[in-house]
């Protein structure tokens, strides 16, 4: 389907879906849900916000919002099956695998273990460790990876967790549309034109224009990329935030603590709403991406979400379009939160 409106779906809980006799409910017919409060008021604005987000780039956007309202769960979506570039949103998988390893002190490493910051794993972007050398702790590395999306921190963390072990976790979670690189520097090396598997090193990262390669423009590719779908990312956050992949309750708390520090979680969910996630973006040779997945808690109801947009342009980038893109995301999550608050008003 290419028509924007025809790709919106509002799906009911299994129980209510059975009552609906299997009827397909395709937006803009949100009102077809009868007297349900989830189909009135706020959900109408939710539909409008998702439509506005999708209209920004109808062929390369994707949205999924799932609210686990007791006995009345609902989802709203636009092309949630699309595999798109998600950038640093993949760092949530690295965080989870590192913390799983920390539970058993794999190779003697925990969050408190000292780690060297050097050119061995240095990569561009993030602004925390890029120009620093010395000794820090893995805890600082994990926080820098999520809070500031620092790519040097990311490459240090994934080097310990090991890319294939992170991929094994992704497979365990059943995320068939998710793809990660061996490191951010390996991604940049490939996009810079280096042969598959070649690391151009920190010197190469600093001197991209001097490399004897032709830059690749196929950011979405089967070899080295950062890809996923809204279906995968919503499934991931619903699973990981339930504690499914951790042995200790304290590890889940640490995953939540660090995930709550991601800057997108303070910008898109409603103000004063607890949220966990990790956004991503890229600007490369006219290709651009913004992705914001995560989960917010409203009256102790989990609302899990993913917004992704990819586009190609030599006139715009993520900086120039960030406000335009973030606005319908925020409206959608505000509408979802408001609908839940109407169901569960605070007692005086």
C-alpha atoms as a PDB file:
ATOM      1  CA  UNK A   1       0.000   0.000   0.000  1.00  0.00           C
ATOM      2  CA  UNK A   2       1.244   3.462  -0.801  1.00  0.00           C
ATOM      3  CA  UNK A   3      -1.676   5.557   0.391  1.00  0.00           C
ATOM      4  CA  UNK A   4      -0.762   7.064   3.754  1.00  0.00           C
ATOM      5  CA  UNK A   5      -4.152   6.757   5.421  1.00  0.00           C
ATOM      6  CA  UNK A   6      -4.625   3.141   4.356  1.00  0.00           C
ATOM      7  CA  UNK A   7      -1.523   2.052   6.264  1.00  0.00           C
ATOM      8  CA  UNK A   8      -2.733   3.153   9.690  1.00  0.00           C
ATOM      9  CA  UNK A   9      -3.843   0.330  11.935  1.00  0.00           C
ATOM     10  CA  UNK A  10      -5.567   0.453  15.279  1.00  0.00           C
ATOM     11  CA  UNK A  11      -5.647  -3.036  16.736  1.00  0.00           C
ATOM     12  CA  UNK A  12      -7.562  -4.079  19.790  1.00  0.00           C
ATOM     13  CA  UNK A  13      -6.732  -6.487  22.552  1.00  0.00           C
ATOM     14  CA  UNK A  14      -7.309 -10.152  21.708  1.00  0.00           C
ATOM     15  CA  UNK A  15     -10.497 -10.273  23.767  1.00  0.00           C
ATOM     16  CA  UNK A  16     -12.020  -7.206  22.141  1.00  0.00           C
ATOM     17  CA  UNK A  17     -10.819  -8.316  18.720  1.00  0.00           C
ATOM     18  CA  UNK A  18     -12.810 -11.518  19.135  1.00  0.00           C
ATOM     19  CA  UNK A  19     -15.860  -9.477  20.082  1.00  0.00           C
ATOM     20  CA  UNK A  20     -15.332  -7.508  16.900  1.00  0.00           C
ATOM     21  CA  UNK A  21     -15.672 -10.787  14.963  1.00  0.00           C
ATOM     22  CA  UNK A  22     -12.328 -10.365  13.312  1.00  0.00           C
ATOM     23  CA  UNK A  23     -13.246  -7.143  11.566  1.00  0.00           C
ATOM     24  CA  UNK A  24     -10.244  -5.218  10.269  1.00  0.00           C
ATOM     25  CA  UNK A  25     -10.134  -1.720  11.687  1.00  0.00           C
ATOM     26  CA  UNK A  26      -8.235   0.557   9.377  1.00  0.00           C
ATOM     27  CA  UNK A  27      -7.781   4.240  10.150  1.00  0.00           C
ATOM     28  CA  UNK A  28      -9.119   6.799   9.765  1.00  0.00           C
ATOM     29  CA  UNK A  29     -11.960   4.674  11.163  1.00  0.00           C
ATOM     30  CA  UNK A  30     -10.788   4.816  14.793  1.00  0.00           C
ATOM     31  CA  UNK A  31     -14.375   5.514  15.805  1.00  0.00           C
ATOM     32  CA  UNK A  32     -15.378   2.025  14.697  1.00  0.00           C
ATOM     33  CA  UNK A  33     -14.368   0.785  18.137  1.00  0.00           C
ATOM     34  CA  UNK A  34     -17.753   1.739  19.509  1.00  0.00           C
ATOM     35  CA  UNK A  35     -17.835   3.158  23.039  1.00  0.00           C
ATOM     36  CA  UNK A  36     -14.260   2.330  23.951  1.00  0.00           C
ATOM     37  CA  UNK A  37     -12.516   5.257  25.606  1.00  0.00           C
ATOM     38  CA  UNK A  38      -9.379   4.274  23.726  1.00  0.00           C
ATOM     39  CA  UNK A  39     -11.170   5.029  20.455  1.00  0.00           C
ATOM     40  CA  UNK A  40     -12.383   8.467  21.507  1.00  0.00           C
ATOM     41  CA  UNK A  41     -10.788  11.743  22.464  1.00  0.00           C
ATOM     42  CA  UNK A  42      -7.041  11.272  22.777  1.00  0.00           C
ATOM     43  CA  UNK A  43      -6.761   8.394  20.295  1.00  0.00           C
ATOM     44  CA  UNK A  44      -8.161  10.681  17.591  1.00  0.00           C
ATOM     45  CA  UNK A  45      -5.267  13.064  18.204  1.00  0.00           C
ATOM     46  CA  UNK A  46      -2.995  10.028  18.314  1.00  0.00           C
ATOM     47  CA  UNK A  47      -4.195   9.070  14.852  1.00  0.00           C
ATOM     48  CA  UNK A  48      -3.717  12.622  13.603  1.00  0.00           C
ATOM     49  CA  UNK A  49      -0.221  12.829  15.043  1.00  0.00           C
ATOM     50  CA  UNK A  50       0.825   9.518  13.483  1.00  0.00           C
ATOM     51  CA  UNK A  51      -0.644  10.596  10.148  1.00  0.00           C
ATOM     52  CA  UNK A  52       1.316  13.867  10.318  1.00  0.00           C
ATOM     53  CA  UNK A  53       4.523  12.011  11.132  1.00  0.00           C
ATOM     54  CA  UNK A  54       3.997   9.540   8.290  1.00  0.00           C
ATOM     55  CA  UNK A  55       3.245  12.342   5.850  1.00  0.00           C
ATOM     56  CA  UNK A  56       6.741  13.741   6.356  1.00  0.00           C
ATOM     57  CA  UNK A  57       8.160  10.860   4.264  1.00  0.00           C
ATOM     58  CA  UNK A  58       5.333   8.430   3.455  1.00  0.00           C
ATOM     59  CA  UNK A  59       7.555   5.746   1.888  1.00  0.00           C
ATOM     60  CA  UNK A  60      10.277   5.753   4.560  1.00  0.00           C
ATOM     61  CA  UNK A  61       8.599   6.313   7.917  1.00  0.00           C
ATOM     62  CA  UNK A  62       7.399   3.792  10.455  1.00  0.00           C
ATOM     63  CA  UNK A  63       5.502   4.046  13.749  1.00  0.00           C
ATOM     64  CA  UNK A  64       4.263   1.619  16.363  1.00  0.00           C
ATOM     65  CA  UNK A  65       2.759   2.492  19.744  1.00  0.00           C
ATOM     66  CA  UNK A  66       1.523  -0.240  22.063  1.00  0.00           C
ATOM     67  CA  UNK A  67      -0.280   0.501  25.314  1.00  0.00           C
ATOM     68  CA  UNK A  68      -0.557  -2.423  27.712  1.00  0.00           C
ATOM     69  CA  UNK A  69      -3.752  -1.238  29.368  1.00  0.00           C
ATOM     70  CA  UNK A  70      -5.035  -4.074  31.573  1.00  0.00           C
ATOM     71  CA  UNK A  71      -7.751  -6.042  29.727  1.00  0.00           C
ATOM     72  CA  UNK A  72      -7.905  -3.317  27.059  1.00  0.00           C
ATOM     73  CA  UNK A  73      -4.516  -3.239  25.339  1.00  0.00           C
ATOM     74  CA  UNK A  74      -4.265  -1.352  22.067  1.00  0.00           C
ATOM     75  CA  UNK A  75      -1.789  -0.516  19.349  1.00  0.00           C
ATOM     76  CA  UNK A  76      -1.573   2.227  16.764  1.00  0.00           C
ATOM     77  CA  UNK A  77       0.796   1.939  13.842  1.00  0.00           C
ATOM     78  CA  UNK A  78       1.985   3.040  10.441  1.00  0.00           C
ATOM     79  CA  UNK A  79       4.011   0.554   8.377  1.00  0.00           C
ATOM     80  CA  UNK A  80       5.601  -1.007  11.513  1.00  0.00           C
ATOM     81  CA  UNK A  81       7.084  -3.854   9.473  1.00  0.00           C
ATOM     82  CA  UNK A  82       9.411  -1.586   7.469  1.00  0.00           C
ATOM     83  CA  UNK A  83      13.106  -2.234   7.964  1.00  0.00           C
ATOM     84  CA  UNK A  84      14.778   1.175   8.154  1.00  0.00           C
ATOM     85  CA  UNK A  85      18.060   2.649   9.280  1.00  0.00           C
ATOM     86  CA  UNK A  86      17.936   3.395  13.020  1.00  0.00           C
ATOM     87  CA  UNK A  87      21.458   4.622  13.823  1.00  0.00           C
ATOM     88  CA  UNK A  88      22.494   4.650  17.458  1.00  0.00           C
ATOM     89  CA  UNK A  89      19.204   3.124  18.570  1.00  0.00           C
ATOM     90  CA  UNK A  90      21.080  -0.205  18.268  1.00  0.00           C
ATOM     91  CA  UNK A  91      23.121   0.738  21.339  1.00  0.00           C
ATOM     92  CA  UNK A  92      20.362  -0.551  23.618  1.00  0.00           C
ATOM     93  CA  UNK A  93      21.329  -4.106  22.603  1.00  0.00           C
ATOM     94  CA  UNK A  94      24.975  -3.488  23.484  1.00  0.00           C
ATOM     95  CA  UNK A  95      23.989  -2.087  26.878  1.00  0.00           C
ATOM     96  CA  UNK A  96      21.813  -5.106  27.639  1.00  0.00           C
ATOM     97  CA  UNK A  97      24.439  -7.665  26.653  1.00  0.00           C
ATOM     98  CA  UNK A  98      27.181  -5.885  28.602  1.00  0.00           C
ATOM     99  CA  UNK A  99      24.999  -5.847  31.719  1.00  0.00           C
ATOM    100  CA  UNK A 100      24.162  -9.533  31.244  1.00  0.00           C
ATOM    101  CA  UNK A 101      27.891 -10.247  31.133  1.00  0.00           C
ATOM    102  CA  UNK A 102      28.442  -8.064  34.183  1.00  0.00           C
ATOM    103  CA  UNK A 103      26.047 -10.252  36.187  1.00  0.00           C
ATOM    104  CA  UNK A 104      28.579 -13.086  35.980  1.00  0.00           C
ATOM    105  CA  UNK A 105      31.687 -10.911  35.740  1.00  0.00           C
ATOM    106  CA  UNK A 106      32.499 -12.421  32.358  1.00  0.00           C
ATOM    107  CA  UNK A 107      36.268 -12.284  31.760  1.00  0.00           C
ATOM    108  CA  UNK A 108      36.520 -10.612  35.159  1.00  0.00           C
ATOM    109  CA  UNK A 109      34.733  -7.476  33.923  1.00  0.00           C
ATOM    110  CA  UNK A 110      31.931  -5.578  35.660  1.00  0.00           C
ATOM    111  CA  UNK A 111      30.748  -1.983  35.415  1.00  0.00           C
ATOM    112  CA  UNK A 112      33.311  -0.979  38.029  1.00  0.00           C
ATOM    113  CA  UNK A 113      36.247  -2.452  36.111  1.00  0.00           C
ATOM    114  CA  UNK A 114      38.756   0.153  34.862  1.00  0.00           C
ATOM    115  CA  UNK A 115      39.101   0.435  31.089  1.00  0.00           C
ATOM    116  CA  UNK A 116      41.591   2.254  28.896  1.00  0.00           C
ATOM    117  CA  UNK A 117      40.380   5.009  26.584  1.00  0.00           C
ATOM    118  CA  UNK A 118      42.696   5.058  23.569  1.00  0.00           C
ATOM    119  CA  UNK A 119      42.892   5.106  19.786  1.00  0.00           C
ATOM    120  CA  UNK A 120      42.324   1.345  19.788  1.00  0.00           C
ATOM    121  CA  UNK A 121      38.568   1.884  19.909  1.00  0.00           C
ATOM    122  CA  UNK A 122      38.311   5.603  19.187  1.00  0.00           C
ATOM    123  CA  UNK A 123      35.526   6.667  16.857  1.00  0.00           C
ATOM    124  CA  UNK A 124      33.902   9.914  15.780  1.00  0.00           C
ATOM    125  CA  UNK A 125      30.853  11.403  17.441  1.00  0.00           C
ATOM    126  CA  UNK A 126      29.438  11.884  20.917  1.00  0.00           C
ATOM    127  CA  UNK A 127      31.884  14.370  22.347  1.00  0.00           C
ATOM    128  CA  UNK A 128      32.771  12.537  25.564  1.00  0.00           C
ATOM    129  CA  UNK A 129      35.759  10.265  24.900  1.00  0.00           C
ATOM    130  CA  UNK A 130      36.611  11.247  21.336  1.00  0.00           C
ATOM    131  CA  UNK A 131      39.485  13.533  22.387  1.00  0.00           C
ATOM    132  CA  UNK A 132      40.319  11.936  25.742  1.00  0.00           C
ATOM    133  CA  UNK A 133      42.878   9.293  26.659  1.00  0.00           C
ATOM    134  CA  UNK A 134      43.438   7.569  29.976  1.00  0.00           C
ATOM    135  CA  UNK A 135      41.577   5.304  32.383  1.00  0.00           C
ATOM    136  CA  UNK A 136      37.858   5.361  33.113  1.00  0.00           C
ATOM    137  CA  UNK A 137      35.338   2.727  34.225  1.00  0.00           C
ATOM    138  CA  UNK A 138      32.964   0.655  32.152  1.00  0.00           C
ATOM    139  CA  UNK A 139      30.095   2.291  34.008  1.00  0.00           C
ATOM    140  CA  UNK A 140      31.150   5.679  32.651  1.00  0.00           C
ATOM    141  CA  UNK A 141      31.496   4.102  29.212  1.00  0.00           C
ATOM    142  CA  UNK A 142      27.946   2.722  29.276  1.00  0.00           C
ATOM    143  CA  UNK A 143      26.515   6.022  30.470  1.00  0.00           C
ATOM    144  CA  UNK A 144      28.382   7.942  27.747  1.00  0.00           C
ATOM    145  CA  UNK A 145      27.155   5.474  25.110  1.00  0.00           C
ATOM    146  CA  UNK A 146      23.494   5.991  26.007  1.00  0.00           C
ATOM    147  CA  UNK A 147      23.346   9.535  27.385  1.00  0.00           C
ATOM    148  CA  UNK A 148      25.589  11.213  24.810  1.00  0.00           C
ATOM    149  CA  UNK A 149      25.602   8.498  22.138  1.00  0.00           C
ATOM    150  CA  UNK A 150      29.387   8.555  22.324  1.00  0.00           C
ATOM    151  CA  UNK A 151      30.765   6.273  19.621  1.00  0.00           C
ATOM    152  CA  UNK A 152      34.127   5.679  21.278  1.00  0.00           C
ATOM    153  CA  UNK A 153      32.244   4.457  24.341  1.00  0.00           C
ATOM    154  CA  UNK A 154      30.082   2.294  22.109  1.00  0.00           C
ATOM    155  CA  UNK A 155      33.059   0.628  20.475  1.00  0.00           C
ATOM    156  CA  UNK A 156      34.679  -0.035  23.853  1.00  0.00           C
ATOM    157  CA  UNK A 157      31.456  -1.603  25.144  1.00  0.00           C
ATOM    158  CA  UNK A 158      30.782  -3.779  22.103  1.00  0.00           C
ATOM    159  CA  UNK A 159      34.409  -4.917  22.018  1.00  0.00           C
ATOM    160  CA  UNK A 160      33.901  -6.436  25.463  1.00  0.00           C
ATOM    161  CA  UNK A 161      30.370  -7.720  24.826  1.00  0.00           C
ATOM    162  CA  UNK A 162      31.470  -9.020  21.388  1.00  0.00           C
ATOM    163  CA  UNK A 163      29.335  -8.289  18.316  1.00  0.00           C
ATOM    164  CA  UNK A 164      28.271 -11.885  17.717  1.00  0.00           C
ATOM    165  CA  UNK A 165      27.131 -12.266  21.304  1.00  0.00           C
ATOM    166  CA  UNK A 166      25.051  -9.090  20.962  1.00  0.00           C
ATOM    167  CA  UNK A 167      23.605 -10.560  17.769  1.00  0.00           C
ATOM    168  CA  UNK A 168      22.803 -13.759  19.677  1.00  0.00           C
ATOM    169  CA  UNK A 169      20.786 -11.702  22.158  1.00  0.00           C
ATOM    170  CA  UNK A 170      18.953 -10.029  19.270  1.00  0.00           C
ATOM    171  CA  UNK A 171      18.165 -13.486  17.867  1.00  0.00           C
ATOM    172  CA  UNK A 172      17.038 -14.721  21.283  1.00  0.00           C
ATOM    173  CA  UNK A 173      14.587 -11.823  21.395  1.00  0.00           C
ATOM    174  CA  UNK A 174      13.207 -12.869  18.008  1.00  0.00           C
ATOM    175  CA  UNK A 175      14.161  -9.652  16.247  1.00  0.00           C
ATOM    176  CA  UNK A 176      14.489 -10.851  12.674  1.00  0.00           C
ATOM    177  CA  UNK A 177      14.735  -7.407  11.072  1.00  0.00           C
ATOM    178  CA  UNK A 178      17.502  -6.047  13.286  1.00  0.00           C
ATOM    179  CA  UNK A 179      21.089  -5.684  12.075  1.00  0.00           C
ATOM    180  CA  UNK A 180      24.116  -4.236  13.889  1.00  0.00           C
ATOM    181  CA  UNK A 181      27.721  -3.591  12.785  1.00  0.00           C
ATOM    182  CA  UNK A 182      30.796  -4.916  14.562  1.00  0.00           C
ATOM    183  CA  UNK A 183      31.443  -1.346  15.763  1.00  0.00           C
ATOM    184  CA  UNK A 184      30.617   2.222  14.815  1.00  0.00           C
ATOM    185  CA  UNK A 185      34.098   2.546  13.327  1.00  0.00           C
ATOM    186  CA  UNK A 186      33.514  -0.492  11.138  1.00  0.00           C
ATOM    187  CA  UNK A 187      30.282   1.118   9.943  1.00  0.00           C
ATOM    188  CA  UNK A 188      32.082   4.366   9.127  1.00  0.00           C
ATOM    189  CA  UNK A 189      34.879   2.395   7.434  1.00  0.00           C
ATOM    190  CA  UNK A 190      32.419   0.588   5.188  1.00  0.00           C
ATOM    191  CA  UNK A 191      30.476   3.745   4.339  1.00  0.00           C
ATOM    192  CA  UNK A 192      33.766   5.496   3.604  1.00  0.00           C
ATOM    193  CA  UNK A 193      34.330   2.908   0.888  1.00  0.00           C
ATOM    194  CA  UNK A 194      36.729   0.483   2.557  1.00  0.00           C
ATOM    195  CA  UNK A 195      36.443  -3.185   1.553  1.00  0.00           C
ATOM    196  CA  UNK A 196      34.112  -5.278   3.688  1.00  0.00           C
ATOM    197  CA  UNK A 197      35.815  -6.157   6.966  1.00  0.00           C
ATOM    198  CA  UNK A 198      38.507  -3.453   6.746  1.00  0.00           C
ATOM    199  CA  UNK A 199      38.864  -1.061   9.708  1.00  0.00           C
ATOM    200  CA  UNK A 200      40.336   2.263   8.548  1.00  0.00           C
ATOM    201  CA  UNK A 201      41.351   3.034  12.147  1.00  0.00           C
ATOM    202  CA  UNK A 202      41.287   6.312  13.970  1.00  0.00           C
ATOM    203  CA  UNK A 203      43.702   7.875  11.494  1.00  0.00           C
ATOM    204  CA  UNK A 204      41.370   6.998   8.661  1.00  0.00           C
ATOM    205  CA  UNK A 205      38.353   8.403  10.494  1.00  0.00           C
ATOM    206  CA  UNK A 206      40.176  11.705  10.884  1.00  0.00           C
ATOM    207  CA  UNK A 207      41.209  11.784   7.236  1.00  0.00           C
ATOM    208  CA  UNK A 208      38.215  10.481   5.305  1.00  0.00           C
ATOM    209  CA  UNK A 209      38.841  12.828   2.376  1.00  0.00           C
ATOM    210  CA  UNK A 210      42.339  11.424   1.909  1.00  0.00           C
ATOM    211  CA  UNK A 211      41.301   7.778   1.709  1.00  0.00           C
ATOM    212  CA  UNK A 212      41.698   6.007  -1.655  1.00  0.00           C
ATOM    213  CA  UNK A 213      38.055   4.944  -1.658  1.00  0.00           C
ATOM    214  CA  UNK A 214      34.752   6.088  -3.106  1.00  0.00           C
ATOM    215  CA  UNK A 215      32.207   6.701  -0.386  1.00  0.00           C
ATOM    216  CA  UNK A 216      29.205   4.422  -0.370  1.00  0.00           C
ATOM    217  CA  UNK A 217      25.732   5.911  -0.358  1.00  0.00           C
ATOM    218  CA  UNK A 218      23.800   2.679   0.321  1.00  0.00           C
ATOM    219  CA  UNK A 219      23.470   3.261   4.058  1.00  0.00           C
ATOM    220  CA  UNK A 220      20.760   0.602   4.107  1.00  0.00           C
ATOM    221  CA  UNK A 221      22.580  -2.527   2.959  1.00  0.00           C
ATOM    222  CA  UNK A 222      22.884  -6.201   3.950  1.00  0.00           C
ATOM    223  CA  UNK A 223      26.578  -6.014   4.837  1.00  0.00           C
ATOM    224  CA  UNK A 224      27.298  -3.345   7.455  1.00  0.00           C
ATOM    225  CA  UNK A 225      24.445  -1.244   8.787  1.00  0.00           C
ATOM    226  CA  UNK A 226      22.186  -0.349  11.709  1.00  0.00           C
ATOM    227  CA  UNK A 227      18.722  -1.568  10.783  1.00  0.00           C
ATOM    228  CA  UNK A 228      15.502  -2.557  12.466  1.00  0.00           C
ATOM    229  CA  UNK A 229      11.735  -2.188  12.313  1.00  0.00           C
ATOM    230  CA  UNK A 230       9.218  -0.628  14.665  1.00  0.00           C
ATOM    231  CA  UNK A 231       7.852  -4.122  15.283  1.00  0.00           C
ATOM    232  CA  UNK A 232      11.275  -5.330  16.409  1.00  0.00           C
ATOM    233  CA  UNK A 233      12.076  -2.350  18.595  1.00  0.00           C
ATOM    234  CA  UNK A 234       8.717  -2.303  20.371  1.00  0.00           C
ATOM    235  CA  UNK A 235       9.031  -6.046  20.945  1.00  0.00           C
ATOM    236  CA  UNK A 236      12.545  -5.510  22.310  1.00  0.00           C
ATOM    237  CA  UNK A 237      11.625  -2.860  24.851  1.00  0.00           C
ATOM    238  CA  UNK A 238       8.555  -4.763  26.021  1.00  0.00           C
ATOM    239  CA  UNK A 239      10.741  -7.818  26.615  1.00  0.00           C
ATOM    240  CA  UNK A 240      13.881  -6.257  28.050  1.00  0.00           C
ATOM    241  CA  UNK A 241      12.016  -3.918  30.408  1.00  0.00           C
ATOM    242  CA  UNK A 242      10.106  -6.881  31.802  1.00  0.00           C
ATOM    243  CA  UNK A 243      13.444  -8.253  33.002  1.00  0.00           C
ATOM    244  CA  UNK A 244      13.298 -11.234  30.643  1.00  0.00           C
ATOM    245  CA  UNK A 245      16.990 -11.164  29.746  1.00  0.00           C
ATOM    246  CA  UNK A 246      18.468 -10.474  33.168  1.00  0.00           C
ATOM    247  CA  UNK A 247      19.058 -12.843  36.069  1.00  0.00           C
ATOM    248  CA  UNK A 248      19.061 -10.205  38.795  1.00  0.00           C
ATOM    249  CA  UNK A 249      16.524  -7.493  39.596  1.00  0.00           C
ATOM    250  CA  UNK A 250      19.394  -5.093  40.155  1.00  0.00           C
ATOM    251  CA  UNK A 251      20.548  -5.531  36.567  1.00  0.00           C
ATOM    252  CA  UNK A 252      17.140  -4.496  35.272  1.00  0.00           C
ATOM    253  CA  UNK A 253      17.244  -1.445  37.532  1.00  0.00           C
ATOM    254  CA  UNK A 254      20.655  -0.538  36.116  1.00  0.00           C
ATOM    255  CA  UNK A 255      19.429  -1.006  32.551  1.00  0.00           C
ATOM    256  CA  UNK A 256      16.510   1.299  33.324  1.00  0.00           C
ATOM    257  CA  UNK A 257      18.717   3.855  35.077  1.00  0.00           C
ATOM    258  CA  UNK A 258      21.045   4.203  32.120  1.00  0.00           C
ATOM    259  CA  UNK A 259      18.275   3.998  29.502  1.00  0.00           C
ATOM    260  CA  UNK A 260      16.403   6.818  31.241  1.00  0.00           C
ATOM    261  CA  UNK A 261      19.439   9.061  30.658  1.00  0.00           C
ATOM    262  CA  UNK A 262      19.095   9.054  26.850  1.00  0.00           C
ATOM    263  CA  UNK A 263      18.472  12.618  25.744  1.00  0.00           C
ATOM    264  CA  UNK A 264      15.542  11.725  23.467  1.00  0.00           C
ATOM    265  CA  UNK A 265      13.644  10.429  26.513  1.00  0.00           C
ATOM    266  CA  UNK A 266      13.547  13.958  27.913  1.00  0.00           C
ATOM    267  CA  UNK A 267      12.386  15.488  24.628  1.00  0.00           C
ATOM    268  CA  UNK A 268       9.628  13.322  23.155  1.00  0.00           C
ATOM    269  CA  UNK A 269       7.582  11.747  25.997  1.00  0.00           C
ATOM    270  CA  UNK A 270       5.361  14.099  28.019  1.00  0.00           C
ATOM    271  CA  UNK A 271       7.081  16.199  30.669  1.00  0.00           C
ATOM    272  CA  UNK A 272       7.613  14.474  34.040  1.00  0.00           C
ATOM    273  CA  UNK A 273       6.959  11.052  32.517  1.00  0.00           C
ATOM    274  CA  UNK A 274       9.400   8.240  33.216  1.00  0.00           C
ATOM    275  CA  UNK A 275      10.738   6.831  29.952  1.00  0.00           C
ATOM    276  CA  UNK A 276      13.480   4.442  28.882  1.00  0.00           C
ATOM    277  CA  UNK A 277      15.024   4.129  25.432  1.00  0.00           C
ATOM    278  CA  UNK A 278      17.794   5.125  23.053  1.00  0.00           C
ATOM    279  CA  UNK A 279      17.436   7.259  19.942  1.00  0.00           C
ATOM    280  CA  UNK A 280      19.542   7.320  16.814  1.00  0.00           C
ATOM    281  CA  UNK A 281      20.321   9.506  13.819  1.00  0.00           C
ATOM    282  CA  UNK A 282      22.706   9.921  10.918  1.00  0.00           C
ATOM    283  CA  UNK A 283      23.575  12.384   8.169  1.00  0.00           C
ATOM    284  CA  UNK A 284      25.683  10.728   5.472  1.00  0.00           C
ATOM    285  CA  UNK A 285      26.081  11.656   1.810  1.00  0.00           C
ATOM    286  CA  UNK A 286      22.537  13.000   1.540  1.00  0.00           C
ATOM    287  CA  UNK A 287      20.980  10.169   3.585  1.00  0.00           C
ATOM    288  CA  UNK A 288      19.356  11.069   6.905  1.00  0.00           C
ATOM    289  CA  UNK A 289      17.705   9.225   9.763  1.00  0.00           C
ATOM    290  CA  UNK A 290      16.015   9.938  13.063  1.00  0.00           C
ATOM    291  CA  UNK A 291      14.751   7.068  15.221  1.00  0.00           C
ATOM    292  CA  UNK A 292      13.188   7.294  18.692  1.00  0.00           C
ATOM    293  CA  UNK A 293      12.169   3.986  20.306  1.00  0.00           C
ATOM    294  CA  UNK A 294      11.497   3.263  23.963  1.00  0.00           C
ATOM    295  CA  UNK A 295       8.885   2.844  26.646  1.00  0.00           C
ATOM    296  CA  UNK A 296       7.151   5.315  28.948  1.00  0.00           C
ATOM    297  CA  UNK A 297       5.144   4.569  32.072  1.00  0.00           C
ATOM    298  CA  UNK A 298       1.798   6.323  32.550  1.00  0.00           C
ATOM    299  CA  UNK A 299      -0.218   5.480  35.690  1.00  0.00           C
ATOM    300  CA  UNK A 300       1.943   2.326  35.795  1.00  0.00           C
ATOM    301  CA  UNK A 301       0.791   1.373  32.292  1.00  0.00           C
ATOM    302  CA  UNK A 302       3.587   0.580  29.849  1.00  0.00           C
ATOM    303  CA  UNK A 303       3.370   2.484  26.564  1.00  0.00           C
ATOM    304  CA  UNK A 304       6.040   1.204  24.194  1.00  0.00           C
ATOM    305  CA  UNK A 305       6.798   3.137  21.032  1.00  0.00           C
ATOM    306  CA  UNK A 306       9.020   3.510  18.012  1.00  0.00           C
ATOM    307  CA  UNK A 307       9.165   6.359  15.496  1.00  0.00           C
ATOM    308  CA  UNK A 308      11.588   6.087  12.580  1.00  0.00           C
ATOM    309  CA  UNK A 309      12.090   8.333   9.584  1.00  0.00           C
ATOM    310  CA  UNK A 310      14.646   8.003   6.778  1.00  0.00           C
ATOM    311  CA  UNK A 311      15.022  10.418   3.887  1.00  0.00           C
ATOM    312  CA  UNK A 312      17.393  11.576   1.180  1.00  0.00           C
ATOM    313  CA  UNK A 313      18.153  15.236   0.615  1.00  0.00           C
ATOM    314  CA  UNK A 314      21.060  17.520  -0.106  1.00  0.00           C
ATOM    315  CA  UNK A 315      19.142  20.515   1.247  1.00  0.00           C
ATOM    316  CA  UNK A 316      18.002  19.284   4.678  1.00  0.00           C
ATOM    317  CA  UNK A 317      19.539  17.244   7.494  1.00  0.00           C
ATOM    318  CA  UNK A 318      18.607  16.009  10.949  1.00  0.00           C
ATOM    319  CA  UNK A 319      19.415  19.356  12.509  1.00  0.00           C
ATOM    320  CA  UNK A 320      17.225  21.401  10.203  1.00  0.00           C
ATOM    321  CA  UNK A 321      14.273  18.999  10.456  1.00  0.00           C
ATOM    322  CA  UNK A 322      14.504  17.872  14.088  1.00  0.00           C
ATOM    323  CA  UNK A 323      11.749  20.158  15.400  1.00  0.00           C
ATOM    324  CA  UNK A 324       9.419  19.278  12.523  1.00  0.00           C
ATOM    325  CA  UNK A 325       9.984  15.568  13.115  1.00  0.00           C
ATOM    326  CA  UNK A 326       9.813  15.627  16.914  1.00  0.00           C
ATOM    327  CA  UNK A 327       6.540  17.560  17.076  1.00  0.00           C
ATOM    328  CA  UNK A 328       4.176  14.785  15.887  1.00  0.00           C
ATOM    329  CA  UNK A 329       6.093  12.237  17.976  1.00  0.00           C
ATOM    330  CA  UNK A 330       5.461  14.307  21.092  1.00  0.00           C
ATOM    331  CA  UNK A 331       1.822  14.845  20.160  1.00  0.00           C
ATOM    332  CA  UNK A 332       1.275  11.120  19.679  1.00  0.00           C
ATOM    333  CA  UNK A 333       2.791  10.182  23.029  1.00  0.00           C
ATOM    334  CA  UNK A 334       0.943  12.997  24.794  1.00  0.00           C
ATOM    335  CA  UNK A 335      -2.330  11.715  23.330  1.00  0.00           C
ATOM    336  CA  UNK A 336      -1.547   8.176  24.444  1.00  0.00           C
ATOM    337  CA  UNK A 337      -0.690   9.390  27.942  1.00  0.00           C
ATOM    338  CA  UNK A 338      -3.815  11.522  28.184  1.00  0.00           C
ATOM    339  CA  UNK A 339      -6.057   8.617  27.203  1.00  0.00           C
ATOM    340  CA  UNK A 340      -4.565   6.455  29.955  1.00  0.00           C
ATOM    341  CA  UNK A 341      -4.861   9.234  32.517  1.00  0.00           C
ATOM    342  CA  UNK A 342      -8.555   9.483  31.663  1.00  0.00           C
ATOM    343  CA  UNK A 343      -8.913   5.779  32.414  1.00  0.00           C
ATOM    344  CA  UNK A 344      -6.949   6.042  35.669  1.00  0.00           C
ATOM    345  CA  UNK A 345      -7.466   9.521  37.147  1.00  0.00           C
ATOM    346  CA  UNK A 346      -5.459  10.376  40.243  1.00  0.00           C
ATOM    347  CA  UNK A 347      -7.404  10.255  43.476  1.00  0.00           C
ATOM    348  CA  UNK A 348      -7.839  13.583  45.218  1.00  0.00           C
END
